[in-house]
Amino acid sequence: MYVWLKAFHVIAIIAWMAGMLYLPRLFVYHCEAEPRSKQSETFKIMERRLLNVITTPAMVVSWVLGLWLALTGGSYASGWLQAKVILVLGLSALHGFFVRCVRDFARDQNRHPQKFYRFINEVPAVLMIGIVILAIVKPF
């Protein structure tokens, strides 16, 4: 059962990361659209669906299965896992920030320029690299 849950954990992480990498890219394009235009309204739908149908449920499943695996696998006291959890908390905080961005765009009250979203688009990838290295290499 453990390996099956681990497989579903990895699948959930892939779905979560897909959303975390794509949402800020949508924000970059959304910045170019005139508020209330057809294009802007289309981006609002895309952002909301990506967040609510894929990204947030995948994050929840990732957390639930990850915590279950850590507790049943006995690795919860390992240094590598504690460091990984810190990075995953950072990724979760970024997810929360993206939720706010989707809400801001939905109200036509975006607070950030396109350049900001281009920068923030790289943060999930950097966190993912650290998380994967810690999970696979287990350096400490």
N, C-alpha and C. Protein backbone atom coordinates (compact mmCIF):
# COMPACT_ATOMS: atom_id res chain seq x y z
N MET A 1 0.83 -1.20 0.00
CA MET A 1 0.00 0.00 0.00
C MET A 1 0.87 1.26 0.00
N TYR A 2 1.99 1.22 0.70
CA TYR A 2 2.88 2.38 0.82
C TYR A 2 3.35 2.86 -0.55
N VAL A 3 3.78 1.96 -1.41
CA VAL A 3 4.29 2.38 -2.73
C VAL A 3 3.17 2.95 -3.61
N TRP A 4 1.95 2.45 -3.45
CA TRP A 4 0.83 3.01 -4.21
C TRP A 4 0.54 4.44 -3.76
N LEU A 5 0.54 4.66 -2.47
CA LEU A 5 0.29 6.01 -1.96
C LEU A 5 1.43 6.95 -2.35
N LYS A 6 2.63 6.42 -2.38
CA LYS A 6 3.78 7.21 -2.81
C LYS A 6 3.63 7.59 -4.29
N ALA A 7 3.15 6.67 -5.10
CA ALA A 7 2.92 6.96 -6.52
C ALA A 7 1.86 8.05 -6.68
N PHE A 8 0.78 7.96 -5.92
CA PHE A 8 -0.27 8.99 -6.00
C PHE A 8 0.22 10.33 -5.46
N HIS A 9 1.12 10.28 -4.49
CA HIS A 9 1.75 11.50 -3.97
C HIS A 9 2.55 12.19 -5.08
N VAL A 10 3.33 11.42 -5.80
CA VAL A 10 4.13 11.98 -6.91
C VAL A 10 3.21 12.53 -8.01
N ILE A 11 2.15 11.81 -8.33
CA ILE A 11 1.20 12.29 -9.34
C ILE A 11 0.58 13.62 -8.91
N ALA A 12 0.19 13.71 -7.64
CA ALA A 12 -0.40 14.95 -7.13
C ALA A 12 0.62 16.09 -7.18
N ILE A 13 1.86 15.80 -6.88
CA ILE A 13 2.90 16.83 -6.93
C ILE A 13 3.09 17.32 -8.37
N ILE A 14 3.08 16.41 -9.31
CA ILE A 14 3.22 16.82 -10.72
C ILE A 14 2.07 17.74 -11.12
N ALA A 15 0.85 17.40 -10.73
CA ALA A 15 -0.30 18.25 -11.05
C ALA A 15 -0.19 19.61 -10.35
N TRP A 16 0.22 19.61 -9.09
CA TRP A 16 0.38 20.86 -8.34
C TRP A 16 1.43 21.74 -9.01
N MET A 17 2.57 21.15 -9.36
CA MET A 17 3.64 21.92 -9.99
C MET A 17 3.23 22.44 -11.36
N ALA A 18 2.46 21.67 -12.09
CA ALA A 18 1.98 22.14 -13.40
C ALA A 18 1.21 23.44 -13.22
N GLY A 19 0.32 23.46 -12.23
CA GLY A 19 -0.44 24.68 -11.96
C GLY A 19 0.43 25.81 -11.46
N MET A 20 1.37 25.49 -10.59
CA MET A 20 2.25 26.53 -10.02
C MET A 20 3.18 27.13 -11.06
N LEU A 21 3.51 26.37 -12.07
CA LEU A 21 4.36 26.89 -13.14
C LEU A 21 3.55 27.64 -14.20
N TYR A 22 2.30 27.24 -14.40
CA TYR A 22 1.49 27.83 -15.46
C TYR A 22 0.73 29.08 -15.01
N LEU A 23 0.29 29.12 -13.75
CA LEU A 23 -0.48 30.28 -13.28
C LEU A 23 0.26 31.61 -13.47
N PRO A 24 1.51 31.73 -13.01
CA PRO A 24 2.17 33.02 -13.20
C PRO A 24 2.41 33.36 -14.68
N ARG A 25 2.51 32.36 -15.52
CA ARG A 25 2.63 32.61 -16.96
C ARG A 25 1.32 33.20 -17.48
N LEU A 26 0.20 32.69 -16.99
CA LEU A 26 -1.10 33.28 -17.35
C LEU A 26 -1.19 34.72 -16.85
N PHE A 27 -0.66 34.97 -15.66
CA PHE A 27 -0.68 36.34 -15.13
C PHE A 27 0.11 37.29 -16.03
N VAL A 28 1.24 36.83 -16.55
CA VAL A 28 2.04 37.66 -17.46
C VAL A 28 1.19 38.07 -18.66
N TYR A 29 0.51 37.11 -19.26
CA TYR A 29 -0.32 37.41 -20.43
C TYR A 29 -1.55 38.24 -20.05
N HIS A 30 -2.10 37.97 -18.86
CA HIS A 30 -3.28 38.69 -18.42
C HIS A 30 -2.96 40.19 -18.24
N CYS A 31 -1.75 40.49 -17.81
CA CYS A 31 -1.33 41.89 -17.66
C CYS A 31 -1.45 42.66 -18.97
N GLU A 32 -1.25 41.98 -20.08
CA GLU A 32 -1.31 42.62 -21.40
C GLU A 32 -2.74 42.90 -21.85
N ALA A 33 -3.70 42.18 -21.27
CA ALA A 33 -5.10 42.31 -21.71
C ALA A 33 -5.75 43.53 -21.06
N GLU A 34 -6.54 44.20 -21.83
CA GLU A 34 -7.30 45.35 -21.33
C GLU A 34 -8.36 44.85 -20.34
N PRO A 35 -8.46 45.46 -19.14
CA PRO A 35 -9.48 45.02 -18.18
C PRO A 35 -10.87 45.02 -18.82
N ARG A 36 -11.65 44.00 -18.47
CA ARG A 36 -13.01 43.78 -18.95
C ARG A 36 -13.11 43.41 -20.44
N SER A 37 -11.98 43.27 -21.09
CA SER A 37 -12.00 42.83 -22.50
C SER A 37 -12.32 41.34 -22.56
N LYS A 38 -12.67 40.87 -23.74
CA LYS A 38 -12.96 39.45 -23.93
C LYS A 38 -11.73 38.61 -23.55
N GLN A 39 -10.57 39.08 -23.94
CA GLN A 39 -9.33 38.37 -23.62
C GLN A 39 -9.12 38.29 -22.11
N SER A 40 -9.33 39.40 -21.41
CA SER A 40 -9.18 39.42 -19.96
C SER A 40 -10.17 38.47 -19.29
N GLU A 41 -11.39 38.46 -19.77
CA GLU A 41 -12.41 37.58 -19.20
C GLU A 41 -12.05 36.11 -19.43
N THR A 42 -11.45 35.81 -20.57
CA THR A 42 -11.00 34.44 -20.85
C THR A 42 -9.89 34.04 -19.89
N PHE A 43 -8.93 34.94 -19.65
CA PHE A 43 -7.86 34.65 -18.69
C PHE A 43 -8.43 34.42 -17.29
N LYS A 44 -9.42 35.18 -16.91
CA LYS A 44 -10.04 35.00 -15.59
C LYS A 44 -10.60 33.59 -15.44
N ILE A 45 -11.27 33.11 -16.48
CA ILE A 45 -11.83 31.75 -16.45
C ILE A 45 -10.71 30.72 -16.38
N MET A 46 -9.69 30.89 -17.21
CA MET A 46 -8.57 29.94 -17.22
C MET A 46 -7.87 29.89 -15.87
N GLU A 47 -7.60 31.06 -15.28
CA GLU A 47 -6.91 31.12 -13.99
C GLU A 47 -7.75 30.47 -12.89
N ARG A 48 -9.03 30.80 -12.85
CA ARG A 48 -9.91 30.26 -11.82
C ARG A 48 -10.02 28.73 -11.93
N ARG A 49 -10.21 28.24 -13.14
CA ARG A 49 -10.34 26.78 -13.32
C ARG A 49 -9.04 26.05 -13.01
N LEU A 50 -7.93 26.61 -13.47
CA LEU A 50 -6.64 25.97 -13.17
C LEU A 50 -6.42 25.90 -11.67
N LEU A 51 -6.71 26.98 -10.99
CA LEU A 51 -6.52 27.03 -9.54
C LEU A 51 -7.47 26.09 -8.81
N ASN A 52 -8.76 26.18 -9.11
CA ASN A 52 -9.77 25.46 -8.33
C ASN A 52 -9.96 24.00 -8.71
N VAL A 53 -9.68 23.66 -9.97
CA VAL A 53 -9.92 22.29 -10.42
C VAL A 53 -8.66 21.43 -10.36
N ILE A 54 -7.50 22.04 -10.55
CA ILE A 54 -6.27 21.26 -10.60
C ILE A 54 -5.31 21.61 -9.45
N THR A 55 -4.90 22.86 -9.38
CA THR A 55 -3.78 23.24 -8.51
C THR A 55 -4.10 23.07 -7.02
N THR A 56 -5.20 23.62 -6.56
CA THR A 56 -5.51 23.52 -5.12
C THR A 56 -5.82 22.08 -4.70
N PRO A 57 -6.67 21.33 -5.42
CA PRO A 57 -6.88 19.94 -5.02
C PRO A 57 -5.58 19.12 -5.03
N ALA A 58 -4.71 19.37 -6.01
CA ALA A 58 -3.44 18.64 -6.07
C ALA A 58 -2.56 18.99 -4.87
N MET A 59 -2.58 20.26 -4.46
CA MET A 59 -1.79 20.64 -3.28
C MET A 59 -2.31 19.91 -2.04
N VAL A 60 -3.62 19.86 -1.88
CA VAL A 60 -4.21 19.19 -0.71
C VAL A 60 -3.83 17.71 -0.70
N VAL A 61 -3.97 17.05 -1.83
CA VAL A 61 -3.62 15.63 -1.92
C VAL A 61 -2.12 15.44 -1.65
N SER A 62 -1.29 16.31 -2.18
CA SER A 62 0.15 16.23 -1.94
C SER A 62 0.47 16.30 -0.45
N TRP A 63 -0.14 17.25 0.24
CA TRP A 63 0.09 17.40 1.67
C TRP A 63 -0.42 16.20 2.46
N VAL A 64 -1.63 15.76 2.18
CA VAL A 64 -2.22 14.65 2.93
C VAL A 64 -1.38 13.39 2.75
N LEU A 65 -1.08 13.05 1.50
CA LEU A 65 -0.30 11.84 1.27
C LEU A 65 1.14 11.98 1.76
N GLY A 66 1.72 13.17 1.58
CA GLY A 66 3.08 13.39 2.05
C GLY A 66 3.20 13.23 3.56
N LEU A 67 2.26 13.80 4.30
CA LEU A 67 2.29 13.65 5.75
C LEU A 67 2.06 12.21 6.16
N TRP A 68 1.14 11.53 5.47
CA TRP A 68 0.89 10.13 5.77
C TRP A 68 2.15 9.29 5.51
N LEU A 69 2.80 9.53 4.39
CA LEU A 69 4.02 8.78 4.06
C LEU A 69 5.12 9.03 5.08
N ALA A 70 5.26 10.29 5.50
CA ALA A 70 6.30 10.62 6.48
C ALA A 70 6.04 9.94 7.82
N LEU A 71 4.80 9.92 8.23
CA LEU A 71 4.47 9.31 9.53
C LEU A 71 4.56 7.80 9.49
N THR A 72 4.06 7.18 8.44
CA THR A 72 4.08 5.72 8.38
C THR A 72 5.44 5.19 7.94
N GLY A 73 6.18 5.99 7.20
CA GLY A 73 7.49 5.56 6.74
C GLY A 73 8.60 5.77 7.75
N GLY A 74 8.30 6.51 8.82
CA GLY A 74 9.28 6.72 9.88
C GLY A 74 10.36 7.74 9.56
N SER A 75 10.20 8.51 8.51
CA SER A 75 11.25 9.46 8.13
C SER A 75 10.99 10.87 8.64
N TYR A 76 9.94 11.04 9.45
CA TYR A 76 9.57 12.38 9.90
C TYR A 76 10.64 13.08 10.73
N ALA A 77 11.57 12.34 11.32
CA ALA A 77 12.62 12.96 12.12
C ALA A 77 13.89 13.23 11.31
N SER A 78 13.92 12.83 10.06
CA SER A 78 15.11 13.00 9.22
C SER A 78 15.32 14.48 8.88
N GLY A 79 16.57 14.89 8.86
CA GLY A 79 16.91 16.27 8.53
C GLY A 79 16.50 16.65 7.12
N TRP A 80 16.68 15.74 6.17
CA TRP A 80 16.32 16.04 4.79
C TRP A 80 14.82 16.30 4.66
N LEU A 81 14.01 15.53 5.41
CA LEU A 81 12.56 15.71 5.32
C LEU A 81 12.14 17.02 5.98
N GLN A 82 12.78 17.37 7.07
CA GLN A 82 12.45 18.64 7.72
C GLN A 82 12.78 19.81 6.81
N ALA A 83 13.92 19.73 6.12
CA ALA A 83 14.28 20.79 5.16
C ALA A 83 13.30 20.81 3.99
N LYS A 84 12.90 19.62 3.54
CA LYS A 84 11.93 19.53 2.44
C LYS A 84 10.60 20.16 2.84
N VAL A 85 10.15 19.90 4.06
CA VAL A 85 8.89 20.46 4.53
C VAL A 85 8.96 21.99 4.56
N ILE A 86 10.10 22.54 4.92
CA ILE A 86 10.26 24.00 4.92
C ILE A 86 10.08 24.54 3.50
N LEU A 87 10.69 23.87 2.52
CA LEU A 87 10.52 24.31 1.13
C LEU A 87 9.09 24.13 0.65
N VAL A 88 8.44 23.04 1.06
CA VAL A 88 7.05 22.81 0.68
C VAL A 88 6.14 23.85 1.34
N LEU A 89 6.46 24.25 2.56
CA LEU A 89 5.71 25.35 3.19
C LEU A 89 5.86 26.63 2.38
N GLY A 90 7.08 26.88 1.88
CA GLY A 90 7.30 28.04 1.02
C GLY A 90 6.48 27.96 -0.25
N LEU A 91 6.44 26.78 -0.85
CA LEU A 91 5.64 26.56 -2.06
C LEU A 91 4.15 26.76 -1.76
N SER A 92 3.71 26.31 -0.59
CA SER A 92 2.31 26.48 -0.19
C SER A 92 1.98 27.95 0.04
N ALA A 93 2.91 28.69 0.62
CA ALA A 93 2.71 30.13 0.80
C ALA A 93 2.61 30.82 -0.55
N LEU A 94 3.45 30.42 -1.49
CA LEU A 94 3.39 30.97 -2.84
C LEU A 94 2.05 30.63 -3.49
N HIS A 95 1.56 29.44 -3.24
CA HIS A 95 0.24 29.03 -3.73
C HIS A 95 -0.82 30.00 -3.20
N GLY A 96 -0.75 30.29 -1.91
CA GLY A 96 -1.68 31.24 -1.31
C GLY A 96 -1.59 32.62 -1.95
N PHE A 97 -0.38 33.04 -2.27
CA PHE A 97 -0.20 34.32 -2.96
C PHE A 97 -0.85 34.28 -4.34
N PHE A 98 -0.71 33.16 -5.04
CA PHE A 98 -1.33 33.02 -6.36
C PHE A 98 -2.86 33.05 -6.25
N VAL A 99 -3.40 32.50 -5.17
CA VAL A 99 -4.85 32.57 -4.94
C VAL A 99 -5.27 34.04 -4.88
N ARG A 100 -4.50 34.84 -4.14
CA ARG A 100 -4.81 36.26 -4.05
C ARG A 100 -4.70 36.95 -5.40
N CYS A 101 -3.70 36.58 -6.18
CA CYS A 101 -3.54 37.17 -7.51
C CYS A 101 -4.73 36.85 -8.41
N VAL A 102 -5.20 35.61 -8.36
CA VAL A 102 -6.36 35.23 -9.17
C VAL A 102 -7.57 36.06 -8.75
N ARG A 103 -7.75 36.25 -7.45
CA ARG A 103 -8.87 37.08 -6.97
C ARG A 103 -8.72 38.53 -7.41
N ASP A 104 -7.49 39.05 -7.35
CA ASP A 104 -7.25 40.44 -7.79
C ASP A 104 -7.57 40.60 -9.27
N PHE A 105 -7.08 39.69 -10.09
CA PHE A 105 -7.37 39.75 -11.53
C PHE A 105 -8.87 39.64 -11.78
N ALA A 106 -9.56 38.78 -11.02
CA ALA A 106 -11.00 38.59 -11.20
C ALA A 106 -11.77 39.89 -10.94
N ARG A 107 -11.24 40.72 -10.04
CA ARG A 107 -11.87 42.01 -9.73
C ARG A 107 -11.27 43.16 -10.55
N ASP A 108 -10.42 42.82 -11.52
CA ASP A 108 -9.71 43.84 -12.32
C ASP A 108 -8.91 44.78 -11.44
N GLN A 109 -8.26 44.20 -10.40
CA GLN A 109 -7.46 44.99 -9.48
C GLN A 109 -6.06 44.41 -9.33
N ASN A 110 -5.47 44.03 -10.44
CA ASN A 110 -4.11 43.50 -10.41
C ASN A 110 -3.17 44.52 -9.78
N ARG A 111 -2.29 44.06 -8.90
CA ARG A 111 -1.39 44.96 -8.18
C ARG A 111 0.04 44.96 -8.71
N HIS A 112 0.36 44.08 -9.62
CA HIS A 112 1.75 43.90 -10.01
C HIS A 112 1.95 44.05 -11.52
N PRO A 113 3.14 44.52 -11.91
CA PRO A 113 3.44 44.63 -13.34
C PRO A 113 3.83 43.27 -13.92
N GLN A 114 3.84 43.23 -15.22
CA GLN A 114 4.20 42.00 -15.95
C GLN A 114 5.58 41.49 -15.54
N LYS A 115 6.50 42.39 -15.33
CA LYS A 115 7.88 42.01 -14.96
C LYS A 115 7.90 41.23 -13.65
N PHE A 116 7.07 41.62 -12.70
CA PHE A 116 6.97 40.91 -11.43
C PHE A 116 6.57 39.46 -11.65
N TYR A 117 5.56 39.25 -12.48
CA TYR A 117 5.09 37.88 -12.73
C TYR A 117 6.12 37.06 -13.50
N ARG A 118 6.89 37.71 -14.34
CA ARG A 118 7.97 37.00 -15.04
C ARG A 118 9.00 36.50 -14.03
N PHE A 119 9.29 37.31 -13.02
CA PHE A 119 10.24 36.91 -11.99
C PHE A 119 9.65 35.81 -11.10
N ILE A 120 8.43 36.03 -10.61
CA ILE A 120 7.81 35.09 -9.68
C ILE A 120 7.55 33.73 -10.35
N ASN A 121 7.50 33.72 -11.67
CA ASN A 121 7.31 32.49 -12.43
C ASN A 121 8.46 31.50 -12.20
N GLU A 122 9.63 32.01 -11.84
CA GLU A 122 10.80 31.14 -11.64
C GLU A 122 10.85 30.53 -10.24
N VAL A 123 10.18 31.14 -9.28
CA VAL A 123 10.26 30.70 -7.88
C VAL A 123 9.77 29.27 -7.68
N PRO A 124 8.62 28.86 -8.24
CA PRO A 124 8.20 27.47 -8.04
C PRO A 124 9.22 26.46 -8.59
N ALA A 125 9.86 26.80 -9.69
CA ALA A 125 10.86 25.89 -10.27
C ALA A 125 12.06 25.73 -9.34
N VAL A 126 12.51 26.83 -8.76
CA VAL A 126 13.65 26.78 -7.84
C VAL A 126 13.29 25.96 -6.60
N LEU A 127 12.10 26.19 -6.05
CA LEU A 127 11.66 25.41 -4.90
C LEU A 127 11.55 23.93 -5.25
N MET A 128 11.01 23.64 -6.43
CA MET A 128 10.87 22.26 -6.88
C MET A 128 12.23 21.56 -6.97
N ILE A 129 13.22 22.25 -7.49
CA ILE A 129 14.56 21.66 -7.60
C ILE A 129 15.08 21.27 -6.22
N GLY A 130 14.94 22.18 -5.27
CA GLY A 130 15.38 21.87 -3.91
C GLY A 130 14.62 20.72 -3.29
N ILE A 131 13.33 20.70 -3.49
CA ILE A 131 12.47 19.63 -2.93
C ILE A 131 12.85 18.28 -3.53
N VAL A 132 13.02 18.21 -4.83
CA VAL A 132 13.37 16.95 -5.48
C VAL A 132 14.75 16.46 -5.04
N ILE A 133 15.71 17.35 -4.97
CA ILE A 133 17.05 16.95 -4.52
C ILE A 133 17.00 16.40 -3.10
N LEU A 134 16.28 17.08 -2.21
CA LEU A 134 16.18 16.60 -0.84
C LEU A 134 15.48 15.24 -0.77
N ALA A 135 14.42 15.04 -1.56
CA ALA A 135 13.67 13.79 -1.52
C ALA A 135 14.43 12.62 -2.12
N ILE A 136 15.22 12.88 -3.17
CA ILE A 136 15.91 11.78 -3.85
C ILE A 136 17.30 11.52 -3.25
N VAL A 137 18.06 12.59 -3.06
CA VAL A 137 19.45 12.43 -2.59
C VAL A 137 19.51 12.21 -1.08
N LYS A 138 18.58 12.83 -0.36
CA LYS A 138 18.56 12.75 1.12
C LYS A 138 19.95 13.05 1.68
N PRO A 139 20.45 14.29 1.44
CA PRO A 139 21.83 14.61 1.78
C PRO A 139 22.15 14.64 3.28
N PHE A 140 21.15 14.69 4.13
CA PHE A 140 21.39 14.68 5.58
C PHE A 140 20.19 14.15 6.31
